[in-house]
Amino acid sequence: MRAPAYGSTATFELWVPGAAVEPLRADLAAGSAGALAPVVGEERVVDVAAE
């Protein structure tokens, strides 16, 4: 009997400021011991009112 093979892809949309992309990437890598590799997809410029 062969050993089980596991694999899946989880995707979700996350909007962050441009300056936060690299720190987020580093946090994900550190928290997952390098198992997660975020992929930057579509970029949008959104005007959000300051509170």
C-alpha atoms as a PDB file:
ATOM      1  CA  MET A   1       0.000   0.000   0.000  1.00  0.00           C
ATOM      2  CA  ARG A   2       1.335   3.409  -0.951  1.00  0.00           C
ATOM      3  CA  ALA A   3       1.720   6.188   1.564  1.00  0.00           C
ATOM      4  CA  PRO A   4      -1.039   8.805   1.357  1.00  0.00           C
ATOM      5  CA  ALA A   5      -0.335  11.938  -0.632  1.00  0.00           C
ATOM      6  CA  TYR A   6      -1.684  15.182   0.694  1.00  0.00           C
ATOM      7  CA  GLY A   7      -2.011  18.383  -1.200  1.00  0.00           C
ATOM      8  CA  SER A   8      -4.320  21.295  -1.546  1.00  0.00           C
ATOM      9  CA  THR A   9      -4.374  24.934  -2.319  1.00  0.00           C
ATOM     10  CA  ALA A  10      -6.063  27.482  -0.131  1.00  0.00           C
ATOM     11  CA  THR A  11      -6.754  30.866  -1.603  1.00  0.00           C
ATOM     12  CA  PHE A  12      -8.261  33.947  -0.094  1.00  0.00           C
ATOM     13  CA  GLU A  13      -8.288  37.621  -0.828  1.00  0.00           C
ATOM     14  CA  LEU A  14      -6.483  39.902   1.551  1.00  0.00           C
ATOM     15  CA  TRP A  15      -6.185  43.623   1.057  1.00  0.00           C
ATOM     16  CA  VAL A  16      -3.205  45.288   2.706  1.00  0.00           C
ATOM     17  CA  PRO A  17      -1.379  48.561   2.144  1.00  0.00           C
ATOM     18  CA  GLY A  18       1.574  48.255  -0.219  1.00  0.00           C
ATOM     19  CA  ALA A  19       4.040  48.898   2.585  1.00  0.00           C
ATOM     20  CA  ALA A  20       2.626  45.948   4.551  1.00  0.00           C
ATOM     21  CA  VAL A  21       3.126  43.291   1.857  1.00  0.00           C
ATOM     22  CA  GLU A  22       6.733  42.410   2.698  1.00  0.00           C
ATOM     23  CA  PRO A  23       6.214  42.348   6.496  1.00  0.00           C
ATOM     24  CA  LEU A  24       3.145  40.138   5.961  1.00  0.00           C
ATOM     25  CA  ARG A  25       5.149  37.831   3.701  1.00  0.00           C
ATOM     26  CA  ALA A  26       7.857  37.558   6.388  1.00  0.00           C
ATOM     27  CA  ASP A  27       5.291  36.890   9.135  1.00  0.00           C
ATOM     28  CA  LEU A  28       3.623  34.132   7.104  1.00  0.00           C
ATOM     29  CA  ALA A  29       6.948  32.484   6.354  1.00  0.00           C
ATOM     30  CA  ALA A  30       8.035  32.661   9.996  1.00  0.00           C
ATOM     31  CA  GLY A  31       4.697  31.431  11.348  1.00  0.00           C
ATOM     32  CA  SER A  32       4.522  28.489   8.943  1.00  0.00           C
ATOM     33  CA  ALA A  33       8.205  27.517   9.058  1.00  0.00           C
ATOM     34  CA  GLY A  34       8.390  28.383   5.361  1.00  0.00           C
ATOM     35  CA  ALA A  35       5.468  26.129   4.367  1.00  0.00           C
ATOM     36  CA  LEU A  36       3.313  29.037   3.167  1.00  0.00           C
ATOM     37  CA  ALA A  37       4.330  31.104   0.186  1.00  0.00           C
ATOM     38  CA  PRO A  38       1.977  34.017  -0.436  1.00  0.00           C
ATOM     39  CA  VAL A  39       1.390  35.038  -4.014  1.00  0.00           C
ATOM     40  CA  VAL A  40       0.712  38.677  -4.758  1.00  0.00           C
ATOM     41  CA  GLY A  41      -1.989  38.881  -7.360  1.00  0.00           C
ATOM     42  CA  GLU A  42      -4.031  41.780  -8.502  1.00  0.00           C
ATOM     43  CA  GLU A  43      -3.233  45.228  -7.164  1.00  0.00           C
ATOM     44  CA  ARG A  44      -5.839  47.925  -6.677  1.00  0.00           C
ATOM     45  CA  VAL A  45      -5.697  51.514  -5.608  1.00  0.00           C
ATOM     46  CA  VAL A  46      -8.581  52.251  -3.286  1.00  0.00           C
ATOM     47  CA  ASP A  47      -9.459  55.589  -1.745  1.00  0.00           C
ATOM     48  CA  VAL A  48     -10.396  54.942   1.862  1.00  0.00           C
ATOM     49  CA  ALA A  49     -11.474  57.795   4.087  1.00  0.00           C
ATOM     50  CA  ALA A  50      -9.304  58.278   7.170  1.00  0.00           C
ATOM     51  CA  GLU A  51     -11.065  57.958  10.489  1.00  0.00           C
END
